[in-house]
Amino acid sequence: MAEFTWADRKNGDVVIFHGDRQASVLRGAKADRFREDVALGDDQALMARLTGNYKRGNERQAREHPRNRHR
């Protein structure tokens, strides 16, 4: 599974990569907020949420699994 990485640009933008590919660019206040949130916790989950790369299409199947039916 490819991991997320990120890099600061000289102009203040934050570039998020998934594997070797650019997944997203954050600018301005979003970039500042991202840097604060990364310092606080789980950066992989944060980057997945920001890029929209966290749903895989198996949510319905997982919801119908016997251990998840009561939820």
N, C-alpha and C. Protein backbone atom coordinates (compact mmCIF):
# COMPACT_ATOMS: atom_id res chain seq x y z
N MET A 1 0.84 -1.18 0.00
CA MET A 1 0.00 0.00 0.00
C MET A 1 0.88 1.24 0.00
N ALA A 2 0.58 2.16 -0.88
CA ALA A 2 1.37 3.38 -0.98
C ALA A 2 1.08 4.30 0.20
N GLU A 3 2.11 4.92 0.67
CA GLU A 3 1.95 5.86 1.77
C GLU A 3 1.86 7.28 1.25
N PHE A 4 1.31 8.13 2.09
CA PHE A 4 1.25 9.56 1.79
C PHE A 4 2.51 10.23 2.32
N THR A 5 2.97 11.21 1.57
CA THR A 5 4.05 12.07 2.02
C THR A 5 3.65 13.50 1.67
N TRP A 6 4.31 14.45 2.26
CA TRP A 6 4.01 15.84 1.94
C TRP A 6 5.28 16.66 1.93
N ALA A 7 5.20 17.80 1.25
CA ALA A 7 6.35 18.69 1.15
C ALA A 7 5.87 20.13 1.14
N ASP A 8 6.67 21.00 1.76
CA ASP A 8 6.42 22.44 1.73
C ASP A 8 7.06 23.02 0.48
N ARG A 9 6.39 23.95 -0.13
CA ARG A 9 6.98 24.71 -1.23
C ARG A 9 7.44 26.06 -0.71
N LYS A 10 8.32 26.70 -1.45
CA LYS A 10 8.83 28.02 -1.04
C LYS A 10 7.73 29.05 -0.94
N ASN A 11 6.67 28.91 -1.75
CA ASN A 11 5.59 29.90 -1.76
C ASN A 11 4.56 29.66 -0.65
N GLY A 12 4.77 28.65 0.21
CA GLY A 12 3.87 28.40 1.32
C GLY A 12 2.85 27.30 1.07
N ASP A 13 2.78 26.79 -0.15
CA ASP A 13 1.86 25.69 -0.46
C ASP A 13 2.37 24.40 0.16
N VAL A 14 1.45 23.48 0.38
CA VAL A 14 1.78 22.13 0.83
C VAL A 14 1.33 21.18 -0.25
N VAL A 15 2.24 20.32 -0.70
CA VAL A 15 1.93 19.34 -1.73
C VAL A 15 1.86 17.97 -1.06
N ILE A 16 0.75 17.25 -1.30
CA ILE A 16 0.57 15.92 -0.75
C ILE A 16 0.75 14.91 -1.87
N PHE A 17 1.59 13.91 -1.63
CA PHE A 17 1.86 12.86 -2.60
C PHE A 17 1.31 11.53 -2.08
N HIS A 18 0.81 10.71 -2.99
CA HIS A 18 0.40 9.34 -2.68
C HIS A 18 1.29 8.45 -3.52
N GLY A 19 2.23 7.79 -2.86
CA GLY A 19 3.25 7.07 -3.60
C GLY A 19 4.14 8.09 -4.28
N ASP A 20 4.29 7.98 -5.59
CA ASP A 20 5.12 8.92 -6.34
C ASP A 20 4.30 10.00 -7.03
N ARG A 21 2.99 9.98 -6.88
CA ARG A 21 2.13 10.91 -7.60
C ARG A 21 1.61 12.03 -6.71
N GLN A 22 1.48 13.20 -7.29
CA GLN A 22 0.91 14.32 -6.57
C GLN A 22 -0.59 14.10 -6.42
N ALA A 23 -1.08 14.16 -5.19
CA ALA A 23 -2.50 13.91 -4.94
C ALA A 23 -3.27 15.19 -4.68
N SER A 24 -2.63 16.19 -4.08
CA SER A 24 -3.34 17.41 -3.73
C SER A 24 -2.35 18.53 -3.44
N VAL A 25 -2.83 19.77 -3.58
CA VAL A 25 -2.05 20.95 -3.22
C VAL A 25 -2.92 21.79 -2.30
N LEU A 26 -2.39 22.15 -1.16
CA LEU A 26 -3.11 23.00 -0.20
C LEU A 26 -2.45 24.37 -0.19
N ARG A 27 -3.27 25.40 -0.21
CA ARG A 27 -2.76 26.77 -0.25
C ARG A 27 -3.37 27.61 0.87
N GLY A 28 -2.64 28.62 1.26
CA GLY A 28 -3.15 29.61 2.21
C GLY A 28 -3.50 29.03 3.57
N ALA A 29 -4.71 29.35 4.03
CA ALA A 29 -5.15 28.94 5.36
C ALA A 29 -5.25 27.42 5.48
N LYS A 30 -5.63 26.74 4.39
CA LYS A 30 -5.70 25.27 4.44
C LYS A 30 -4.33 24.66 4.66
N ALA A 31 -3.31 25.22 4.04
CA ALA A 31 -1.94 24.74 4.22
C ALA A 31 -1.48 24.97 5.66
N ASP A 32 -1.79 26.14 6.19
CA ASP A 32 -1.41 26.45 7.58
C ASP A 32 -2.10 25.50 8.55
N ARG A 33 -3.39 25.27 8.34
CA ARG A 33 -4.15 24.37 9.21
C ARG A 33 -3.61 22.95 9.12
N PHE A 34 -3.23 22.52 7.91
CA PHE A 34 -2.66 21.19 7.71
C PHE A 34 -1.38 21.02 8.53
N ARG A 35 -0.50 22.01 8.48
CA ARG A 35 0.76 21.92 9.24
C ARG A 35 0.49 21.80 10.74
N GLU A 36 -0.51 22.53 11.23
CA GLU A 36 -0.87 22.45 12.66
C GLU A 36 -1.41 21.06 13.00
N ASP A 37 -2.29 20.53 12.14
CA ASP A 37 -2.91 19.23 12.41
C ASP A 37 -1.91 18.08 12.32
N VAL A 38 -0.95 18.18 11.41
CA VAL A 38 0.07 17.13 11.28
C VAL A 38 0.90 17.07 12.56
N ALA A 39 1.18 18.21 13.14
CA ALA A 39 1.97 18.24 14.37
C ALA A 39 1.25 17.58 15.54
N LEU A 40 -0.09 17.51 15.46
CA LEU A 40 -0.88 16.97 16.57
C LEU A 40 -1.11 15.47 16.51
N GLY A 41 -1.10 14.88 15.30
CA GLY A 41 -1.50 13.48 15.30
C GLY A 41 -1.20 12.70 14.04
N ASP A 42 -2.11 11.81 13.70
CA ASP A 42 -1.94 10.83 12.64
C ASP A 42 -1.95 11.49 11.26
N ASP A 43 -0.78 11.69 10.71
CA ASP A 43 -0.68 12.38 9.43
C ASP A 43 -1.20 11.56 8.26
N GLN A 44 -1.08 10.23 8.29
CA GLN A 44 -1.55 9.39 7.19
C GLN A 44 -3.07 9.48 7.05
N ALA A 45 -3.80 9.39 8.14
CA ALA A 45 -5.26 9.48 8.09
C ALA A 45 -5.70 10.88 7.65
N LEU A 46 -5.01 11.89 8.11
CA LEU A 46 -5.33 13.27 7.73
C LEU A 46 -5.15 13.47 6.23
N MET A 47 -4.03 13.00 5.69
CA MET A 47 -3.78 13.18 4.25
C MET A 47 -4.76 12.36 3.42
N ALA A 48 -5.12 11.17 3.88
CA ALA A 48 -6.11 10.37 3.15
C ALA A 48 -7.45 11.09 3.11
N ARG A 49 -7.84 11.68 4.22
CA ARG A 49 -9.11 12.40 4.27
C ARG A 49 -9.09 13.64 3.37
N LEU A 50 -7.99 14.37 3.37
CA LEU A 50 -7.89 15.58 2.58
C LEU A 50 -7.86 15.31 1.08
N THR A 51 -7.29 14.19 0.68
CA THR A 51 -7.21 13.87 -0.74
C THR A 51 -8.42 13.10 -1.23
N GLY A 52 -9.27 12.65 -0.30
CA GLY A 52 -10.44 11.88 -0.70
C GLY A 52 -10.10 10.44 -1.00
N ASN A 53 -8.92 9.99 -0.63
CA ASN A 53 -8.46 8.65 -0.95
C ASN A 53 -8.61 7.73 0.27
N TYR A 54 -9.83 7.64 0.77
CA TYR A 54 -10.04 6.79 1.93
C TYR A 54 -11.22 5.86 1.78
N LYS A 55 -12.04 6.01 0.78
CA LYS A 55 -13.16 5.11 0.55
C LYS A 55 -12.80 4.19 -0.61
N ARG A 56 -13.02 2.92 -0.43
CA ARG A 56 -12.60 1.93 -1.41
C ARG A 56 -13.76 1.19 -2.06
N GLY A 57 -15.00 1.56 -1.75
CA GLY A 57 -16.13 0.92 -2.39
C GLY A 57 -16.63 -0.33 -1.69
N ASN A 58 -16.03 -0.71 -0.59
CA ASN A 58 -16.48 -1.91 0.11
C ASN A 58 -17.25 -1.58 1.39
N GLU A 59 -17.71 -0.34 1.52
CA GLU A 59 -18.39 0.06 2.73
C GLU A 59 -19.71 -0.71 2.92
N ARG A 60 -20.46 -0.90 1.85
CA ARG A 60 -21.73 -1.62 1.95
C ARG A 60 -21.49 -3.07 2.36
N GLN A 61 -20.51 -3.69 1.74
CA GLN A 61 -20.18 -5.07 2.06
C GLN A 61 -19.75 -5.19 3.53
N ALA A 62 -18.96 -4.27 4.02
CA ALA A 62 -18.50 -4.31 5.40
C ALA A 62 -19.66 -4.07 6.36
N ARG A 63 -20.60 -3.20 5.99
CA ARG A 63 -21.74 -2.90 6.85
C ARG A 63 -22.61 -4.14 7.03
N GLU A 64 -22.69 -4.98 6.01
CA GLU A 64 -23.54 -6.17 6.06
C GLU A 64 -22.86 -7.37 6.69
N HIS A 65 -21.60 -7.24 7.06
CA HIS A 65 -20.88 -8.35 7.70
C HIS A 65 -21.53 -8.63 9.07
N PRO A 66 -21.62 -9.90 9.48
CA PRO A 66 -22.30 -10.23 10.75
C PRO A 66 -21.81 -9.46 11.96
N ARG A 67 -20.53 -9.19 12.07
CA ARG A 67 -20.04 -8.49 13.27
C ARG A 67 -20.42 -7.02 13.27
N ASN A 68 -20.86 -6.46 12.13
CA ASN A 68 -21.19 -5.04 12.03
C ASN A 68 -22.68 -4.77 11.90
N ARG A 69 -23.50 -5.78 11.93
CA ARG A 69 -24.94 -5.58 11.70
C ARG A 69 -25.63 -4.78 12.79
N HIS A 70 -25.13 -4.82 13.99
CA HIS A 70 -25.77 -4.11 15.10
C HIS A 70 -25.45 -2.62 15.09
N ARG A 71 -24.57 -2.17 14.25
CA ARG A 71 -24.14 -0.76 14.22
C ARG A 71 -25.06 0.09 13.41
